[in-house]
Amino acid sequence: MTELPPPERPLPKGAVTRQVVRELERALGKERVLSTPEELIAYEFDGTIERGTPQAVVFPESTEHVAAAVQIAHRFDVPVIPRGAGTGLSGGAVAAIGGIIVALARMKRILEIDAVNRIAVVEPGVVNLDLTKAVAPLGLYYAPDPSSQRACTIGGNVAENAGGPHCLAHGATTNHVLGVEVVLADGEVAWLGGRTRDVPGYDLAGAFVGSEGTLGIATKIVVRLMRTPESTRTLLAVFDSVDDASNAVSATIGAGILPTALEMMDKNIIAAIEPVLHAGFPLDAEAILLIEVEGLEEATVEQADVIHGICHSNNAREIRIAVGQADRDLLWAARKTSISALGRLYPNYYVLDGVVPRTRLPAVLREVYAISAKYGLDVANVFHAGDGNLHPNLLFDDRIPGTTARVLEAGAEIMRLCVDVGGSITGEHGVGLEKRDFLAWIFDDTDLAVMGRLKAAFKAGENYNPCKAFPTHKGCGELSQAHVARVAAAVGADVYV
């Protein structure tokens, strides 16, 4: 670890002063530190609608760099905010109360590929898809594949426990991370987990995945790799009713088939992507299911036949199977670019992330449309139907006064709906800055206190990604006061503040 010089003079705690910037430049090099307003503006947001301006951004290229930056922040009592590619959808990388953003995009080396033991060791800035491309010639792949797979980084995936279309059968990021090297809040470097699934003691790597940067910063990650399946079959089923498509989802799982992916896109999503990608999605359809099975050739043929029959019996008007890899790639390109294509319809969209029991999909989706209509908003749904993991996208124009407030109120009401039917407020995007006020809908005071004690055991304090996952920092309450007031007015007095 880099040995840092003592501070030049006593300074007020909690602010990124010129002295802090000078120390960062001394430890990491001037070329790895940004601190002027025009440089920082690009780092005031991630993939959601929350905003917060940092006071400095650093670009470490090694564990030692990260530890040095964290140690400086610790000495001056300055908040630290880890950031991957900035594609997160819950405000997890937003500098809610200022501080130093530790941007990990330059730590993008694949350090080791062990094909025999099916593991890889990567730095946090490795782009998700790049790992699969690197191991594909060996007949391997990395299973978690968020829709932002071409841009998002594995470090960010670890922080948010990201999922993706193919996590229905294989599980989210936490099921594929074996060990993590982390920098703790005081700059100490530690390893959690290891290179195998079963290590003695507490599962600290498991606790770290999904901790949203509140426990430490991942600097090396050991992931497991999957064997490329012998056979893959991708089906597209077109429905004239969202209810019919939803019922086909439940029927497929109920028949004992667990596809590797089972995705739904509704009419507004189809309207956004079909004119761009020409994937053959009928513009007058109400819903489309994209279903994929993989395994041995005989098994996928049999499963595809059963799924075909289930969709037909649930009134699918068209069912087709992708012919060749190019056809399959086109269907998945349409699915994975669908949210970004919404920019063709509206200047802004607000992506929600909730989970409901699969059997409640028809009723919940009807209510999602009703809530959106009540607030005068259009909504487009594209989501992991097999997991019951909803992603309603509320479409709006934030230049119209009062619109953003209505969007937040509608979003809160939809999240409350998910909880009320037995679901949760996040499936894969994390709680972040966006939903920390809703935690009391899921956890009681004892639950939250236990999580707080875990955070204390990591010596994280309130300066490690403050205002994320837990509403603990006093500045966070001031920051979101207006937001909470709007949500409370819409949802009720039991909203957690």
Protein backbone atom coordinates (compact mmCIF):
# COMPACT_ATOMS: atom_id res chain seq x y z
CA MET A 1 0.00 0.00 0.00
CA THR A 2 1.24 3.52 -0.75
CA GLU A 3 2.67 5.33 2.27
CA LEU A 4 1.00 8.72 2.44
CA PRO A 5 2.58 11.86 3.87
CA PRO A 6 0.89 13.56 6.82
CA PRO A 7 -1.56 16.39 6.05
CA GLU A 8 0.10 19.73 5.44
CA ARG A 9 -2.12 21.43 8.00
CA PRO A 10 -5.30 20.71 9.98
CA LEU A 11 -8.41 21.03 7.80
CA PRO A 12 -12.15 20.85 8.32
CA LYS A 13 -13.47 17.31 8.05
CA GLY A 14 -15.87 16.21 5.35
CA ALA A 15 -14.89 18.45 2.42
CA VAL A 16 -12.79 17.84 -0.65
CA THR A 17 -10.41 20.77 -0.35
CA ARG A 18 -7.52 21.70 -2.59
CA GLN A 19 -5.27 19.88 -0.16
CA VAL A 20 -7.29 16.67 -0.60
CA VAL A 21 -7.03 17.03 -4.37
CA ARG A 22 -3.28 17.62 -4.14
CA GLU A 23 -2.88 14.51 -2.03
CA LEU A 24 -4.92 12.48 -4.51
CA GLU A 25 -2.77 13.79 -7.36
CA ARG A 26 0.38 12.99 -5.41
CA ALA A 27 -0.73 9.44 -4.68
CA LEU A 28 -2.29 8.54 -8.05
CA GLY A 29 -0.80 11.04 -10.48
CA LYS A 30 -2.45 14.20 -11.83
CA GLU A 31 -3.65 12.38 -14.94
CA ARG A 32 -5.87 10.19 -12.75
CA VAL A 33 -7.69 12.98 -10.88
CA LEU A 34 -10.50 15.30 -12.00
CA SER A 35 -11.66 18.21 -9.85
CA THR A 36 -12.89 21.14 -11.94
CA PRO A 37 -16.65 21.72 -12.33
CA GLU A 38 -16.61 21.19 -16.09
CA GLU A 39 -14.84 17.85 -15.61
CA LEU A 40 -17.14 16.67 -12.84
CA ILE A 41 -20.46 17.33 -14.55
CA ALA A 42 -20.25 14.09 -16.55
CA TYR A 43 -20.16 12.14 -13.28
CA GLU A 44 -23.22 13.60 -11.59
CA PHE A 45 -25.58 10.82 -12.70
CA ASP A 46 -25.79 7.14 -13.61
CA GLY A 47 -28.60 5.37 -15.45
CA THR A 48 -31.48 6.67 -13.33
CA ILE A 49 -32.97 10.14 -12.90
CA GLU A 50 -31.21 10.94 -9.62
CA ARG A 51 -28.42 13.56 -9.63
CA GLY A 52 -25.51 14.46 -7.34
CA THR A 53 -22.25 16.23 -8.12
CA PRO A 54 -18.95 14.84 -6.79
CA GLN A 55 -16.10 17.12 -5.72
CA ALA A 56 -13.42 14.92 -7.25
CA VAL A 57 -13.18 11.85 -9.47
CA VAL A 58 -10.19 9.51 -9.42
CA PHE A 59 -9.27 6.77 -11.92
CA PRO A 60 -7.16 4.15 -10.12
CA GLU A 61 -5.34 1.54 -12.18
CA SER A 62 -4.38 -0.83 -9.36
CA THR A 63 -5.45 -2.02 -5.95
CA GLU A 64 -2.75 0.21 -4.46
CA HIS A 65 -4.25 3.25 -6.19
CA VAL A 66 -7.72 2.43 -4.81
CA ALA A 67 -6.33 1.91 -1.32
CA ALA A 68 -4.43 5.19 -1.46
CA ALA A 69 -7.50 7.16 -2.58
CA VAL A 70 -9.66 5.55 0.10
CA GLN A 71 -7.05 6.16 2.76
CA ILE A 72 -6.92 9.88 1.86
CA ALA A 73 -10.71 10.09 1.95
CA HIS A 74 -10.71 8.33 5.31
CA ARG A 75 -8.18 10.74 6.81
CA PHE A 76 -10.19 13.78 5.72
CA ASP A 77 -13.58 12.20 6.53
CA VAL A 78 -14.71 12.55 2.91
CA PRO A 79 -17.41 10.37 1.31
CA VAL A 80 -16.26 7.72 -1.18
CA ILE A 81 -18.51 6.59 -4.03
CA PRO A 82 -17.45 3.56 -6.14
CA ARG A 83 -18.43 3.72 -9.81
CA GLY A 84 -18.23 1.20 -12.63
CA ALA A 85 -19.53 2.09 -16.09
CA GLY A 86 -22.29 4.32 -14.74
CA THR A 87 -25.05 2.14 -16.21
CA GLY A 88 -26.70 1.40 -12.84
CA LEU A 89 -30.43 1.99 -12.58
CA SER A 90 -30.95 2.86 -8.91
CA GLY A 91 -28.63 5.81 -8.33
CA GLY A 92 -25.99 3.58 -6.75
CA ALA A 93 -23.08 5.53 -8.26
CA VAL A 94 -24.52 9.01 -7.62
CA ALA A 95 -22.52 11.29 -5.30
CA ALA A 96 -25.57 12.16 -3.23
CA ILE A 97 -23.72 14.44 -0.79
CA GLY A 98 -20.56 15.10 -2.77
CA GLY A 99 -17.23 13.42 -2.07
CA ILE A 100 -14.77 11.44 -4.19
CA ILE A 101 -15.97 9.12 -6.93
CA VAL A 102 -13.61 6.18 -7.39
CA ALA A 103 -14.16 5.33 -11.06
CA LEU A 104 -12.89 1.83 -11.82
CA ALA A 105 -13.16 1.83 -15.61
CA ARG A 106 -9.37 1.75 -16.09
CA MET A 107 -9.02 -1.45 -14.03
CA LYS A 108 -10.15 -3.62 -16.94
CA ARG A 109 -7.64 -6.46 -17.12
CA ILE A 110 -8.64 -10.12 -17.22
CA LEU A 111 -5.91 -11.37 -14.92
CA GLU A 112 -6.37 -15.12 -15.27
CA ILE A 113 -8.47 -17.67 -17.13
CA ASP A 114 -8.37 -21.19 -15.71
CA ALA A 115 -10.35 -23.25 -18.21
CA VAL A 116 -9.77 -26.53 -16.38
CA ASN A 117 -11.29 -25.26 -13.15
CA ARG A 118 -13.70 -22.95 -15.01
CA ILE A 119 -12.79 -19.76 -13.21
CA ALA A 120 -11.51 -16.34 -14.19
CA VAL A 121 -9.92 -13.58 -12.13
CA VAL A 122 -10.82 -10.11 -13.36
CA GLU A 123 -10.48 -6.49 -12.36
CA PRO A 124 -13.73 -4.62 -11.60
CA GLY A 125 -13.67 -2.51 -14.79
CA VAL A 126 -13.89 -5.51 -17.15
CA VAL A 127 -16.95 -5.10 -19.37
CA ASN A 128 -19.34 -8.00 -18.80
CA LEU A 129 -19.54 -9.09 -22.44
CA ASP A 130 -15.76 -8.88 -22.90
CA LEU A 131 -15.27 -11.74 -20.45
CA THR A 132 -17.57 -14.03 -22.39
CA LYS A 133 -15.82 -13.05 -25.64
CA ALA A 134 -12.46 -13.86 -24.07
CA VAL A 135 -13.45 -17.35 -22.90
CA ALA A 136 -15.74 -18.31 -25.80
CA PRO A 137 -12.91 -20.00 -27.79
CA LEU A 138 -12.46 -22.30 -24.80
CA GLY A 139 -16.11 -23.39 -24.92
CA LEU A 140 -17.00 -21.30 -21.84
CA TYR A 141 -19.08 -18.25 -20.98
CA TYR A 142 -19.94 -15.99 -18.05
CA ALA A 143 -23.64 -16.43 -17.25
CA PRO A 144 -24.91 -13.14 -15.69
CA ASP A 145 -25.83 -10.95 -18.66
CA PRO A 146 -27.60 -7.68 -17.79
CA SER A 147 -29.26 -5.89 -20.69
CA SER A 148 -26.41 -3.37 -20.52
CA GLN A 149 -23.98 -6.26 -21.02
CA ARG A 150 -22.06 -4.47 -23.77
CA ALA A 151 -21.26 -1.55 -21.45
CA CYS A 152 -21.67 -2.52 -17.79
CA THR A 153 -18.69 -3.74 -15.79
CA ILE A 154 -18.38 -6.79 -13.57
CA GLY A 155 -17.45 -4.67 -10.55
CA GLY A 156 -20.74 -2.80 -10.87
CA ASN A 157 -22.57 -6.09 -11.37
CA VAL A 158 -21.06 -7.35 -8.11
CA ALA A 159 -22.06 -4.18 -6.25
CA GLU A 160 -25.70 -4.43 -7.36
CA ASN A 161 -25.95 -8.23 -7.64
CA ALA A 162 -27.02 -7.72 -11.23
CA GLY A 163 -29.06 -10.29 -13.08
CA GLY A 164 -30.11 -10.44 -16.69
CA PRO A 165 -32.27 -12.54 -19.02
CA HIS A 166 -30.29 -15.75 -18.56
CA CYS A 167 -30.32 -15.71 -14.75
CA LEU A 168 -33.68 -17.49 -14.60
CA ALA A 169 -31.94 -20.87 -14.64
CA HIS A 170 -28.38 -19.95 -13.64
CA GLY A 171 -28.93 -17.34 -10.91
CA ALA A 172 -27.76 -13.75 -10.51
CA THR A 173 -24.21 -12.48 -9.99
CA THR A 174 -24.00 -13.77 -6.42
CA ASN A 175 -24.22 -17.33 -7.75
CA HIS A 176 -21.16 -16.80 -9.95
CA VAL A 177 -18.74 -14.95 -7.66
CA LEU A 178 -16.35 -17.13 -5.66
CA GLY A 179 -14.02 -14.56 -4.13
CA VAL A 180 -13.41 -10.82 -3.99
CA GLU A 181 -10.41 -8.68 -3.12
CA VAL A 182 -11.78 -5.55 -1.47
CA VAL A 183 -10.50 -2.23 -0.17
CA LEU A 184 -12.19 -1.42 3.12
CA ALA A 185 -13.12 2.05 4.34
CA ASP A 186 -9.78 2.68 6.04
CA GLY A 187 -7.76 1.58 3.01
CA GLU A 188 -7.04 -1.93 4.27
CA VAL A 189 -7.02 -4.65 1.59
CA ALA A 190 -8.73 -7.98 2.34
CA TRP A 191 -9.87 -11.11 0.51
CA LEU A 192 -13.39 -12.49 0.94
CA GLY A 193 -14.12 -16.02 -0.27
CA GLY A 194 -11.65 -17.80 -2.52
CA ARG A 195 -11.33 -19.81 -5.73
CA THR A 196 -13.81 -22.58 -4.86
CA ARG A 197 -17.48 -22.59 -3.90
CA ASP A 198 -17.02 -24.12 -0.49
CA VAL A 199 -14.66 -22.25 1.84
CA PRO A 200 -14.72 -22.53 5.64
CA GLY A 201 -16.27 -19.82 7.77
CA TYR A 202 -18.83 -17.14 7.06
CA ASP A 203 -19.83 -16.46 3.47
CA LEU A 204 -18.44 -12.92 3.44
CA ALA A 205 -18.14 -12.86 -0.34
CA GLY A 206 -21.85 -13.62 -0.46
CA ALA A 207 -22.53 -10.76 1.95
CA PHE A 208 -20.41 -8.41 -0.13
CA VAL A 209 -22.16 -9.12 -3.45
CA GLY A 210 -25.14 -6.79 -3.61
CA SER A 211 -23.89 -4.54 -0.81
CA GLU A 212 -23.98 -1.63 -3.27
CA GLY A 213 -20.52 -0.29 -2.45
CA THR A 214 -21.41 0.30 1.20
CA LEU A 215 -18.96 -2.30 2.56
CA GLY A 216 -15.92 -1.85 0.34
CA ILE A 217 -14.62 -1.53 -3.21
CA ALA A 218 -13.94 -4.70 -5.20
CA THR A 219 -10.51 -4.64 -6.86
CA LYS A 220 -10.21 -8.27 -8.00
CA ILE A 221 -13.05 -10.73 -8.56
CA VAL A 222 -12.94 -14.51 -8.96
CA VAL A 223 -15.89 -15.68 -11.07
CA ARG A 224 -16.98 -19.12 -12.19
CA LEU A 225 -17.47 -19.87 -15.85
CA MET A 226 -20.11 -22.06 -17.48
CA ARG A 227 -19.69 -24.65 -20.23
CA THR A 228 -21.22 -23.53 -23.53
CA PRO A 229 -24.31 -25.71 -24.01
CA GLU A 230 -24.48 -28.30 -26.77
CA SER A 231 -27.77 -26.92 -28.04
CA THR A 232 -29.78 -23.71 -27.70
CA ARG A 233 -33.29 -23.04 -28.98
CA THR A 234 -34.88 -19.59 -29.01
CA LEU A 235 -38.63 -19.16 -29.49
CA LEU A 236 -40.70 -16.05 -30.16
CA ALA A 237 -44.41 -16.13 -29.27
CA VAL A 238 -46.77 -13.30 -30.23
CA PHE A 239 -49.93 -12.57 -28.24
CA ASP A 240 -52.93 -10.28 -28.64
CA SER A 241 -53.30 -10.04 -24.87
CA VAL A 242 -50.84 -9.34 -22.03
CA ASP A 243 -52.95 -11.66 -19.87
CA ASP A 244 -52.48 -14.55 -22.30
CA ALA A 245 -48.73 -13.97 -22.45
CA SER A 246 -48.54 -13.84 -18.65
CA ASN A 247 -50.54 -17.02 -18.32
CA ALA A 248 -48.19 -18.74 -20.77
CA VAL A 249 -45.27 -17.79 -18.51
CA SER A 250 -46.81 -19.44 -15.46
CA ALA A 251 -47.91 -22.47 -17.48
CA THR A 252 -44.39 -23.02 -18.80
CA ILE A 253 -42.82 -23.00 -15.35
CA GLY A 254 -45.75 -25.01 -14.00
CA ALA A 255 -45.09 -27.70 -16.61
CA GLY A 256 -41.71 -28.33 -15.02
CA ILE A 257 -39.67 -26.52 -17.66
CA LEU A 258 -37.11 -23.97 -16.49
CA PRO A 259 -35.99 -21.99 -19.55
CA THR A 260 -32.66 -20.20 -19.34
CA ALA A 261 -34.54 -17.05 -20.37
CA LEU A 262 -38.23 -16.09 -20.46
CA GLU A 263 -38.68 -12.42 -21.38
CA MET A 264 -41.77 -10.32 -22.10
CA MET A 265 -42.07 -7.14 -24.19
CA ASP A 266 -45.29 -5.17 -24.46
CA LYS A 267 -46.81 -3.05 -27.22
CA ASN A 268 -44.95 0.18 -26.39
CA ILE A 269 -41.61 -1.61 -26.32
CA ILE A 270 -42.37 -3.20 -29.68
CA ALA A 271 -43.22 0.25 -31.07
CA ALA A 272 -39.83 1.54 -29.93
CA ILE A 273 -37.58 -1.21 -31.24
CA GLU A 274 -39.20 -2.71 -34.35
CA PRO A 275 -38.75 0.37 -36.62
CA VAL A 276 -35.05 0.35 -35.68
CA LEU A 277 -34.02 -3.30 -35.65
CA HIS A 278 -36.69 -4.89 -37.89
CA ALA A 279 -36.77 -8.07 -35.83
CA GLY A 280 -40.16 -9.07 -37.19
CA PHE A 281 -42.18 -8.01 -34.14
CA PRO A 282 -45.82 -7.27 -35.21
CA LEU A 283 -46.63 -3.66 -34.33
CA ASP A 284 -50.23 -4.56 -33.49
CA ALA A 285 -49.29 -7.27 -30.96
CA GLU A 286 -49.99 -6.60 -27.28
CA ALA A 287 -47.12 -8.73 -25.97
CA ILE A 288 -44.23 -10.90 -27.12
CA LEU A 289 -42.45 -13.65 -25.23
CA LEU A 290 -38.83 -14.45 -25.98
CA ILE A 291 -38.07 -17.91 -24.60
CA GLU A 292 -34.79 -19.79 -24.65
CA VAL A 293 -33.86 -23.31 -23.58
CA GLU A 294 -30.42 -24.87 -23.63
CA GLY A 295 -28.81 -28.22 -22.92
CA LEU A 296 -28.47 -31.47 -24.80
CA GLU A 297 -29.93 -31.51 -28.31
CA GLU A 298 -32.66 -34.04 -27.50
CA ALA A 299 -33.73 -32.11 -24.40
CA THR A 300 -34.00 -28.73 -26.11
CA VAL A 301 -36.03 -30.21 -28.97
CA GLU A 302 -38.44 -31.77 -26.51
CA GLN A 303 -38.71 -28.63 -24.34
CA ALA A 304 -39.25 -26.38 -27.35
CA ASP A 305 -42.12 -28.63 -28.48
CA VAL A 306 -43.76 -28.44 -25.05
CA ILE A 307 -43.36 -24.64 -24.88
CA HIS A 308 -44.80 -24.33 -28.39
CA GLY A 309 -47.86 -26.25 -27.24
CA ILE A 310 -48.25 -24.16 -24.07
CA CYS A 311 -48.09 -20.88 -25.99
CA HIS A 312 -50.56 -22.20 -28.55
CA SER A 313 -53.00 -23.24 -25.83
CA ASN A 314 -52.71 -19.74 -24.33
CA ASN A 315 -53.82 -18.14 -27.60
CA ALA A 316 -50.47 -17.20 -29.13
CA ARG A 317 -51.27 -16.06 -32.65
CA GLU A 318 -47.74 -16.73 -33.94
CA ILE A 319 -44.88 -18.89 -32.67
CA ARG A 320 -41.55 -19.18 -34.37
CA ILE A 321 -38.16 -20.68 -33.60
CA ALA A 322 -34.98 -18.79 -34.41
CA VAL A 323 -33.25 -20.27 -37.42
CA GLY A 324 -29.50 -20.06 -37.03
CA GLN A 325 -27.28 -17.89 -34.87
CA ALA A 326 -27.91 -14.70 -36.88
CA ASP A 327 -31.67 -14.96 -36.30
CA ARG A 328 -31.09 -15.59 -32.59
CA ASP A 329 -28.69 -12.67 -32.33
CA LEU A 330 -31.24 -10.35 -33.93
CA LEU A 331 -33.95 -11.32 -31.44
CA TRP A 332 -31.61 -10.77 -28.50
CA ALA A 333 -30.32 -7.50 -29.93
CA ALA A 334 -33.93 -6.31 -30.03
CA ARG A 335 -34.48 -7.35 -26.44
CA LYS A 336 -31.26 -5.91 -25.06
CA THR A 337 -31.54 -2.54 -26.80
CA SER A 338 -35.22 -2.14 -26.08
CA ILE A 339 -34.94 0.24 -23.13
CA SER A 340 -32.49 2.56 -24.84
CA ALA A 341 -34.81 2.57 -27.89
CA LEU A 342 -37.46 4.23 -25.72
CA GLY A 343 -35.63 7.48 -26.42
CA ARG A 344 -37.42 7.43 -29.79
CA LEU A 345 -40.75 7.82 -28.00
CA TYR A 346 -40.02 10.23 -25.13
CA PRO A 347 -37.09 12.40 -23.98
CA ASN A 348 -37.01 10.64 -20.57
CA TYR A 349 -37.89 7.31 -19.04
CA TYR A 350 -37.81 6.06 -15.48
CA VAL A 351 -36.96 2.35 -15.20
CA LEU A 352 -38.55 0.57 -12.25
CA ASP A 353 -37.40 -2.75 -10.83
CA GLY A 354 -39.79 -4.83 -8.75
CA VAL A 355 -40.51 -8.51 -8.22
CA VAL A 356 -43.86 -10.26 -7.94
CA PRO A 357 -44.93 -13.91 -7.75
CA ARG A 358 -45.25 -15.22 -11.33
CA THR A 359 -48.86 -16.23 -10.78
CA ARG A 360 -49.74 -12.60 -10.00
CA LEU A 361 -48.32 -11.26 -13.26
CA PRO A 362 -51.65 -10.77 -15.09
CA ALA A 363 -53.27 -8.85 -12.23
CA VAL A 364 -50.14 -6.83 -11.41
CA LEU A 365 -49.56 -5.80 -15.02
CA ARG A 366 -53.17 -4.64 -15.32
CA GLU A 367 -52.65 -2.53 -12.22
CA VAL A 368 -49.33 -1.14 -13.54
CA TYR A 369 -51.15 0.12 -16.63
CA ALA A 370 -53.95 1.53 -14.44
CA ILE A 371 -51.54 3.38 -12.13
CA SER A 372 -49.65 4.85 -15.07
CA ALA A 373 -52.91 6.03 -16.65
CA LYS A 374 -54.02 7.56 -13.34
CA TYR A 375 -50.92 9.74 -13.37
CA GLY A 376 -51.31 10.58 -17.06
CA LEU A 377 -48.20 8.63 -18.06
CA ASP A 378 -47.41 6.15 -20.80
CA VAL A 379 -45.62 2.99 -19.68
CA ALA A 380 -43.59 0.41 -21.58
CA ASN A 381 -42.91 -3.00 -20.06
CA VAL A 382 -39.93 -5.21 -20.88
CA PHE A 383 -38.95 -7.64 -18.19
CA HIS A 384 -37.75 -11.00 -16.96
CA ALA A 385 -41.17 -12.63 -16.82
CA GLY A 386 -39.84 -16.02 -15.76
CA ASP A 387 -38.46 -14.46 -12.58
CA GLY A 388 -41.52 -12.27 -12.02
CA ASN A 389 -39.01 -9.40 -12.25
CA LEU A 390 -40.88 -6.37 -13.63
CA HIS A 391 -39.31 -3.37 -15.38
CA PRO A 392 -42.09 -0.84 -16.06
CA ASN A 393 -40.60 2.16 -17.88
CA LEU A 394 -42.53 5.35 -17.16
CA LEU A 395 -42.21 7.63 -20.18
CA PHE A 396 -42.14 11.40 -19.74
CA ASP A 397 -40.66 14.78 -20.61
CA ASP A 398 -38.92 16.36 -17.64
CA ARG A 399 -39.08 19.77 -19.33
CA ILE A 400 -42.79 19.91 -18.49
CA PRO A 401 -43.11 21.36 -14.95
CA GLY A 402 -44.40 18.87 -12.39
CA THR A 403 -43.95 15.81 -14.59
CA THR A 404 -40.98 14.34 -12.74
CA ALA A 405 -42.88 14.56 -9.45
CA ARG A 406 -45.78 12.61 -10.97
CA VAL A 407 -43.35 10.01 -12.29
CA LEU A 408 -41.83 9.50 -8.84
CA GLU A 409 -45.26 9.21 -7.24
CA ALA A 410 -46.41 6.68 -9.83
CA GLY A 411 -43.17 4.74 -9.43
CA ALA A 412 -43.59 4.56 -5.66
CA GLU A 413 -47.15 3.33 -6.05
CA ILE A 414 -46.03 0.57 -8.41
CA MET A 415 -43.28 -0.48 -6.00
CA ARG A 416 -45.83 -0.61 -3.18
CA LEU A 417 -48.05 -2.77 -5.38
CA CYS A 418 -45.19 -5.25 -5.84
CA VAL A 419 -44.70 -5.51 -2.09
CA ASP A 420 -48.41 -5.83 -1.35
CA VAL A 421 -48.76 -8.90 -3.59
CA GLY A 422 -45.87 -10.66 -1.87
CA GLY A 423 -42.96 -9.38 -3.94
CA SER A 424 -40.05 -7.00 -3.40
CA ILE A 425 -38.74 -3.57 -4.38
CA THR A 426 -35.80 -4.83 -6.42
CA GLY A 427 -34.85 -7.85 -8.42
CA GLU A 428 -31.46 -6.88 -9.81
CA HIS A 429 -30.95 -3.11 -9.87
CA GLY A 430 -30.37 -2.70 -6.14
CA VAL A 431 -31.94 -0.26 -3.70
CA GLY A 432 -29.45 2.53 -4.31
CA LEU A 433 -30.43 6.12 -3.71
CA GLU A 434 -33.77 5.58 -5.36
CA LYS A 435 -35.54 3.10 -3.07
CA ARG A 436 -33.82 3.26 0.30
CA ASP A 437 -36.90 4.97 1.74
CA PHE A 438 -38.97 1.90 0.92
CA LEU A 439 -36.91 -0.59 2.92
CA ALA A 440 -39.35 -0.64 5.84
CA TRP A 441 -41.93 -2.18 3.53
CA ILE A 442 -39.67 -5.26 3.41
CA PHE A 443 -37.69 -5.24 6.67
CA ASP A 444 -38.56 -4.39 10.28
CA ASP A 445 -36.32 -2.43 12.66
CA THR A 446 -34.58 -5.59 13.89
CA ASP A 447 -33.71 -6.65 10.35
CA LEU A 448 -32.28 -3.22 9.58
CA ALA A 449 -30.31 -3.15 12.82
CA VAL A 450 -28.68 -6.51 11.99
CA MET A 451 -27.65 -5.18 8.57
CA GLY A 452 -26.26 -2.09 10.26
CA ARG A 453 -24.12 -4.26 12.52
CA LEU A 454 -22.72 -6.10 9.49
CA LYS A 455 -21.83 -2.74 7.95
CA ALA A 456 -20.09 -1.74 11.19
CA ALA A 457 -18.11 -4.99 11.16
CA PHE A 458 -16.67 -3.93 7.79
CA LYS A 459 -15.73 -0.57 9.41
CA ALA A 460 -17.66 1.07 6.60
CA GLY A 461 -19.26 3.91 8.57
CA GLU A 462 -21.46 6.44 6.84
CA ASN A 463 -18.91 7.71 4.36
CA TYR A 464 -18.72 4.64 2.17
CA ASN A 465 -21.21 5.26 -0.62
CA PRO A 466 -23.49 7.31 1.67
CA CYS A 467 -27.25 7.47 1.15
CA LYS A 468 -27.29 4.08 -0.60
CA ALA A 469 -29.30 1.07 0.52
CA PHE A 470 -29.86 2.53 4.03
CA PRO A 471 -31.10 6.02 5.00
CA THR A 472 -28.44 6.64 7.64
CA HIS A 473 -26.52 9.82 6.81
CA LYS A 474 -28.18 13.02 8.06
CA GLY A 475 -27.39 14.80 4.79
CA CYS A 476 -29.30 12.16 2.89
CA GLY A 477 -32.53 13.10 4.62
CA GLU A 478 -32.08 16.71 3.60
CA LEU A 479 -31.26 15.69 0.07
CA SER A 480 -34.33 13.59 -0.44
CA GLN A 481 -36.78 15.52 1.70
CA ALA A 482 -38.79 16.72 -1.24
CA HIS A 483 -38.69 13.30 -2.83
CA VAL A 484 -39.93 11.60 0.33
CA ALA A 485 -42.70 14.13 0.78
CA ARG A 486 -43.97 13.40 -2.70
CA VAL A 487 -43.78 9.67 -2.12
CA ALA A 488 -45.51 9.88 1.27
CA ALA A 489 -48.31 11.91 -0.23
CA ALA A 490 -48.79 9.27 -2.88
CA VAL A 491 -48.26 6.07 -0.91
CA GLY A 492 -49.13 6.73 2.71
CA ALA A 493 -47.75 7.54 6.11
CA ASP A 494 -45.95 4.21 6.57
CA VAL A 495 -43.28 5.13 4.03
CA TYR A 496 -39.90 4.79 5.74
CA VAL A 497 -38.08 8.12 6.19
